[in-house]
């Protein structure tokens, strides 16, 4: 991979496209997560490719290409969302929650997640809906790893408290 990144840094468009195509599904899921519709997600991906082509010479660590590019993707999404007038940044889209089969449970889970603050919602959804690791979330959101862990922990504790569970359930 590092050789391909090095070629892309030197202006090889095919190498850059090859790198992007290897992660195209993950890029799309991430863009859709923020944009909530296929058309906007695809537009964002096109814009990401242009930005990556312009900015790749600035990439310092060759092995961090994917986390760097996902961070750029998230920044483009947030910038585009901020342009939309009078729309609240709501990072929810219909996802099949793992382990919940009954619609009542899904509705209840959605309402619990929606009761969290925006920072907690975002990290919990990236972690549990898109299966990003703590490190990936830290890199994508450009926040410290400890902040990611803290937001997830506080969000999960609030959900536990809201459903009447012990704050330490499952943590020991």
C-alpha atoms as a PDB file:
ATOM      1  CA  UNK A   1       0.000   0.000   0.000  1.00  0.00           C
ATOM      2  CA  UNK A   2       2.758   2.467   0.887  1.00  0.00           C
ATOM      3  CA  UNK A   3       4.205   2.174  -2.621  1.00  0.00           C
ATOM      4  CA  UNK A   4       0.811   3.006  -4.087  1.00  0.00           C
ATOM      5  CA  UNK A   5       0.440   5.988  -1.743  1.00  0.00           C
ATOM      6  CA  UNK A   6       3.910   7.172  -2.720  1.00  0.00           C
ATOM      7  CA  UNK A   7       2.953   6.956  -6.407  1.00  0.00           C
ATOM      8  CA  UNK A   8      -0.263   8.883  -5.701  1.00  0.00           C
ATOM      9  CA  UNK A   9       1.725  11.563  -3.835  1.00  0.00           C
ATOM     10  CA  UNK A  10       3.875  11.925  -6.947  1.00  0.00           C
ATOM     11  CA  UNK A  11       0.811  12.691  -9.081  1.00  0.00           C
ATOM     12  CA  UNK A  12      -0.203   9.209 -10.284  1.00  0.00           C
ATOM     13  CA  UNK A  13      -3.996   9.540 -10.632  1.00  0.00           C
ATOM     14  CA  UNK A  14      -4.441   5.803 -11.257  1.00  0.00           C
ATOM     15  CA  UNK A  15      -2.674   4.960  -7.984  1.00  0.00           C
ATOM     16  CA  UNK A  16      -4.914   7.386  -6.100  1.00  0.00           C
ATOM     17  CA  UNK A  17      -8.067   5.950  -7.691  1.00  0.00           C
ATOM     18  CA  UNK A  18      -6.876   2.436  -6.899  1.00  0.00           C
ATOM     19  CA  UNK A  19      -6.440   3.354  -3.239  1.00  0.00           C
ATOM     20  CA  UNK A  20      -9.889   4.942  -3.155  1.00  0.00           C
ATOM     21  CA  UNK A  21     -11.540   1.974  -4.868  1.00  0.00           C
ATOM     22  CA  UNK A  22     -10.130  -0.417  -2.263  1.00  0.00           C
ATOM     23  CA  UNK A  23     -12.154   1.403   0.414  1.00  0.00           C
ATOM     24  CA  UNK A  24     -15.048   2.663  -1.726  1.00  0.00           C
ATOM     25  CA  UNK A  25     -17.727   0.891   0.306  1.00  0.00           C
ATOM     26  CA  UNK A  26     -16.429   2.316   3.583  1.00  0.00           C
ATOM     27  CA  UNK A  27     -16.160   5.813   2.097  1.00  0.00           C
ATOM     28  CA  UNK A  28     -19.731   5.558   0.819  1.00  0.00           C
ATOM     29  CA  UNK A  29     -21.092   4.328   4.179  1.00  0.00           C
ATOM     30  CA  UNK A  30     -19.346   7.160   5.968  1.00  0.00           C
ATOM     31  CA  UNK A  31     -20.611   9.788   3.508  1.00  0.00           C
ATOM     32  CA  UNK A  32     -24.143   8.353   3.651  1.00  0.00           C
ATOM     33  CA  UNK A  33     -23.992   8.346   7.442  1.00  0.00           C
ATOM     34  CA  UNK A  34     -23.616  12.111   7.424  1.00  0.00           C
ATOM     35  CA  UNK A  35     -25.544  13.100   4.296  1.00  0.00           C
ATOM     36  CA  UNK A  36     -28.482  10.685   4.740  1.00  0.00           C
ATOM     37  CA  UNK A  37     -29.120  10.164   1.043  1.00  0.00           C
ATOM     38  CA  UNK A  38     -27.415   8.494  -1.881  1.00  0.00           C
ATOM     39  CA  UNK A  39     -27.235  11.525  -4.177  1.00  0.00           C
ATOM     40  CA  UNK A  40     -25.543  13.785  -1.621  1.00  0.00           C
ATOM     41  CA  UNK A  41     -23.216  10.983  -0.500  1.00  0.00           C
ATOM     42  CA  UNK A  42     -22.061  10.398  -4.082  1.00  0.00           C
ATOM     43  CA  UNK A  43     -21.546  14.141  -4.613  1.00  0.00           C
ATOM     44  CA  UNK A  44     -19.432  14.274  -1.469  1.00  0.00           C
ATOM     45  CA  UNK A  45     -17.340  11.329  -2.675  1.00  0.00           C
ATOM     46  CA  UNK A  46     -16.616  13.133  -5.931  1.00  0.00           C
ATOM     47  CA  UNK A  47     -15.575  16.215  -4.030  1.00  0.00           C
ATOM     48  CA  UNK A  48     -13.401  14.075  -1.745  1.00  0.00           C
ATOM     49  CA  UNK A  49     -11.516  12.657  -4.722  1.00  0.00           C
ATOM     50  CA  UNK A  50     -10.756  16.158  -5.985  1.00  0.00           C
ATOM     51  CA  UNK A  51      -9.578  17.316  -2.564  1.00  0.00           C
ATOM     52  CA  UNK A  52      -7.456  14.192  -2.078  1.00  0.00           C
ATOM     53  CA  UNK A  53      -5.779  14.711  -5.442  1.00  0.00           C
ATOM     54  CA  UNK A  54      -4.938  18.318  -4.549  1.00  0.00           C
ATOM     55  CA  UNK A  55      -3.893  17.619  -0.951  1.00  0.00           C
ATOM     56  CA  UNK A  56      -2.079  14.276  -1.167  1.00  0.00           C
ATOM     57  CA  UNK A  57       1.343  15.879  -1.650  1.00  0.00           C
ATOM     58  CA  UNK A  58       0.938  17.221   1.910  1.00  0.00           C
ATOM     59  CA  UNK A  59       0.379  13.726   3.385  1.00  0.00           C
ATOM     60  CA  UNK A  60       3.278  13.039   5.757  1.00  0.00           C
ATOM     61  CA  UNK A  61       2.736   9.452   6.876  1.00  0.00           C
ATOM     62  CA  UNK A  62       2.152   7.092   3.962  1.00  0.00           C
ATOM     63  CA  UNK A  63       0.567   4.446   6.191  1.00  0.00           C
ATOM     64  CA  UNK A  64      -2.093   6.894   7.422  1.00  0.00           C
ATOM     65  CA  UNK A  65      -3.660   7.480   3.991  1.00  0.00           C
ATOM     66  CA  UNK A  66      -7.020   5.925   4.859  1.00  0.00           C
ATOM     67  CA  UNK A  67      -7.519   7.677   8.188  1.00  0.00           C
ATOM     68  CA  UNK A  68      -6.367  10.964   6.605  1.00  0.00           C
ATOM     69  CA  UNK A  69      -8.752  10.563   3.666  1.00  0.00           C
ATOM     70  CA  UNK A  70     -11.698   9.654   5.923  1.00  0.00           C
ATOM     71  CA  UNK A  71     -11.011  12.734   8.029  1.00  0.00           C
ATOM     72  CA  UNK A  72     -11.144  14.827   4.856  1.00  0.00           C
ATOM     73  CA  UNK A  73     -14.406  13.117   3.885  1.00  0.00           C
ATOM     74  CA  UNK A  74     -15.999  13.891   7.258  1.00  0.00           C
ATOM     75  CA  UNK A  75     -14.843  17.513   7.067  1.00  0.00           C
ATOM     76  CA  UNK A  76     -16.393  17.876   3.592  1.00  0.00           C
ATOM     77  CA  UNK A  77     -19.647  16.361   4.863  1.00  0.00           C
ATOM     78  CA  UNK A  78     -19.783  18.692   7.854  1.00  0.00           C
ATOM     79  CA  UNK A  79     -18.971  21.699   5.687  1.00  0.00           C
ATOM     80  CA  UNK A  80     -21.755  20.784   3.267  1.00  0.00           C
ATOM     81  CA  UNK A  81     -24.221  20.174   6.095  1.00  0.00           C
ATOM     82  CA  UNK A  82     -23.417  23.549   7.621  1.00  0.00           C
ATOM     83  CA  UNK A  83     -24.331  25.193   4.303  1.00  0.00           C
ATOM     84  CA  UNK A  84     -27.847  23.832   4.446  1.00  0.00           C
ATOM     85  CA  UNK A  85     -30.090  26.456   5.939  1.00  0.00           C
ATOM     86  CA  UNK A  86     -32.080  25.856   9.107  1.00  0.00           C
ATOM     87  CA  UNK A  87     -31.355  22.141   9.169  1.00  0.00           C
ATOM     88  CA  UNK A  88     -30.327  20.562  12.431  1.00  0.00           C
ATOM     89  CA  UNK A  89     -27.277  18.316  12.247  1.00  0.00           C
ATOM     90  CA  UNK A  90     -28.954  15.011  12.960  1.00  0.00           C
ATOM     91  CA  UNK A  91     -26.543  12.137  12.447  1.00  0.00           C
ATOM     92  CA  UNK A  92     -29.204   9.444  12.321  1.00  0.00           C
ATOM     93  CA  UNK A  93     -30.298   7.437   9.364  1.00  0.00           C
ATOM     94  CA  UNK A  94     -32.242   4.204   9.327  1.00  0.00           C
ATOM     95  CA  UNK A  95     -29.838   1.424  10.184  1.00  0.00           C
ATOM     96  CA  UNK A  96     -30.588  -2.130  11.136  1.00  0.00           C
ATOM     97  CA  UNK A  97     -29.449  -2.192  14.740  1.00  0.00           C
ATOM     98  CA  UNK A  98     -27.687  -5.422  15.596  1.00  0.00           C
ATOM     99  CA  UNK A  99     -29.667  -7.599  17.965  1.00  0.00           C
ATOM    100  CA  UNK A 100     -32.943  -5.674  17.797  1.00  0.00           C
ATOM    101  CA  UNK A 101     -35.677  -7.406  15.849  1.00  0.00           C
ATOM    102  CA  UNK A 102     -38.847  -5.869  17.211  1.00  0.00           C
ATOM    103  CA  UNK A 103     -39.853  -2.440  15.978  1.00  0.00           C
ATOM    104  CA  UNK A 104     -40.659  -1.277  19.521  1.00  0.00           C
ATOM    105  CA  UNK A 105     -37.098  -2.010  20.618  1.00  0.00           C
ATOM    106  CA  UNK A 106     -35.712  -0.150  17.597  1.00  0.00           C
ATOM    107  CA  UNK A 107     -37.876   2.884  18.311  1.00  0.00           C
ATOM    108  CA  UNK A 108     -36.871   2.841  21.969  1.00  0.00           C
ATOM    109  CA  UNK A 109     -33.162   2.509  21.109  1.00  0.00           C
ATOM    110  CA  UNK A 110     -33.410   5.371  18.604  1.00  0.00           C
ATOM    111  CA  UNK A 111     -35.060   7.607  21.181  1.00  0.00           C
ATOM    112  CA  UNK A 112     -32.384   6.767  23.753  1.00  0.00           C
ATOM    113  CA  UNK A 113     -29.604   7.608  21.301  1.00  0.00           C
ATOM    114  CA  UNK A 114     -31.372  10.783  20.198  1.00  0.00           C
ATOM    115  CA  UNK A 115     -31.474  11.938  23.828  1.00  0.00           C
ATOM    116  CA  UNK A 116     -27.666  12.135  23.880  1.00  0.00           C
ATOM    117  CA  UNK A 117     -25.756  15.286  23.053  1.00  0.00           C
ATOM    118  CA  UNK A 118     -24.471  15.628  19.468  1.00  0.00           C
ATOM    119  CA  UNK A 119     -20.884  14.654  20.327  1.00  0.00           C
ATOM    120  CA  UNK A 120     -21.985  11.483  22.105  1.00  0.00           C
ATOM    121  CA  UNK A 121     -24.433  10.556  19.330  1.00  0.00           C
ATOM    122  CA  UNK A 122     -21.791  10.935  16.655  1.00  0.00           C
ATOM    123  CA  UNK A 123     -19.140   8.751  18.313  1.00  0.00           C
ATOM    124  CA  UNK A 124     -21.648   6.084  19.385  1.00  0.00           C
ATOM    125  CA  UNK A 125     -23.079   5.842  15.880  1.00  0.00           C
ATOM    126  CA  UNK A 126     -19.628   5.699  14.284  1.00  0.00           C
ATOM    127  CA  UNK A 127     -18.620   2.977  16.755  1.00  0.00           C
ATOM    128  CA  UNK A 128     -21.716   0.803  16.860  1.00  0.00           C
ATOM    129  CA  UNK A 129     -23.410   1.441  13.515  1.00  0.00           C
ATOM    130  CA  UNK A 130     -20.362   1.694  11.256  1.00  0.00           C
ATOM    131  CA  UNK A 131     -18.022  -0.449  13.393  1.00  0.00           C
ATOM    132  CA  UNK A 132     -15.152   2.032  13.476  1.00  0.00           C
ATOM    133  CA  UNK A 133     -12.522   1.440  16.141  1.00  0.00           C
ATOM    134  CA  UNK A 134     -11.795   4.053  18.790  1.00  0.00           C
ATOM    135  CA  UNK A 135      -8.553   4.908  16.981  1.00  0.00           C
ATOM    136  CA  UNK A 136     -10.347   5.349  13.655  1.00  0.00           C
ATOM    137  CA  UNK A 137     -12.964   7.589  15.242  1.00  0.00           C
ATOM    138  CA  UNK A 138     -10.225   9.646  16.871  1.00  0.00           C
ATOM    139  CA  UNK A 139      -8.478  10.111  13.545  1.00  0.00           C
ATOM    140  CA  UNK A 140     -11.631  10.767  11.527  1.00  0.00           C
ATOM    141  CA  UNK A 141     -12.996  13.325  13.989  1.00  0.00           C
ATOM    142  CA  UNK A 142      -9.550  14.756  14.771  1.00  0.00           C
ATOM    143  CA  UNK A 143     -10.057  14.462  18.522  1.00  0.00           C
ATOM    144  CA  UNK A 144      -7.918  12.702  21.140  1.00  0.00           C
ATOM    145  CA  UNK A 145      -8.483   8.991  21.733  1.00  0.00           C
ATOM    146  CA  UNK A 146      -9.361   9.705  25.363  1.00  0.00           C
ATOM    147  CA  UNK A 147     -12.100  12.084  24.236  1.00  0.00           C
ATOM    148  CA  UNK A 148     -13.603   9.374  22.011  1.00  0.00           C
ATOM    149  CA  UNK A 149     -13.582   6.876  24.879  1.00  0.00           C
ATOM    150  CA  UNK A 150     -15.013   9.431  27.292  1.00  0.00           C
ATOM    151  CA  UNK A 151     -17.858  10.441  24.955  1.00  0.00           C
ATOM    152  CA  UNK A 152     -18.784   6.818  24.283  1.00  0.00           C
ATOM    153  CA  UNK A 153     -18.604   5.936  27.970  1.00  0.00           C
ATOM    154  CA  UNK A 154     -20.690   8.940  29.032  1.00  0.00           C
ATOM    155  CA  UNK A 155     -23.249   8.263  26.302  1.00  0.00           C
ATOM    156  CA  UNK A 156     -23.582   4.583  27.181  1.00  0.00           C
ATOM    157  CA  UNK A 157     -23.831   5.428  30.887  1.00  0.00           C
ATOM    158  CA  UNK A 158     -26.637   7.902  30.139  1.00  0.00           C
ATOM    159  CA  UNK A 159     -28.472   5.228  28.130  1.00  0.00           C
ATOM    160  CA  UNK A 160     -27.991   2.711  30.952  1.00  0.00           C
ATOM    161  CA  UNK A 161     -29.285   5.235  33.467  1.00  0.00           C
ATOM    162  CA  UNK A 162     -32.291   6.051  31.243  1.00  0.00           C
ATOM    163  CA  UNK A 163     -33.276   2.387  31.021  1.00  0.00           C
ATOM    164  CA  UNK A 164     -32.786   1.860  34.731  1.00  0.00           C
ATOM    165  CA  UNK A 165     -29.614  -0.208  34.511  1.00  0.00           C
ATOM    166  CA  UNK A 166     -26.668  -0.036  36.865  1.00  0.00           C
ATOM    167  CA  UNK A 167     -24.089   2.410  35.571  1.00  0.00           C
ATOM    168  CA  UNK A 168     -21.432  -0.310  35.940  1.00  0.00           C
ATOM    169  CA  UNK A 169     -23.349  -3.097  34.163  1.00  0.00           C
ATOM    170  CA  UNK A 170     -21.036  -4.789  31.721  1.00  0.00           C
ATOM    171  CA  UNK A 171     -18.070  -2.574  32.523  1.00  0.00           C
ATOM    172  CA  UNK A 172     -16.301  -4.960  34.907  1.00  0.00           C
END
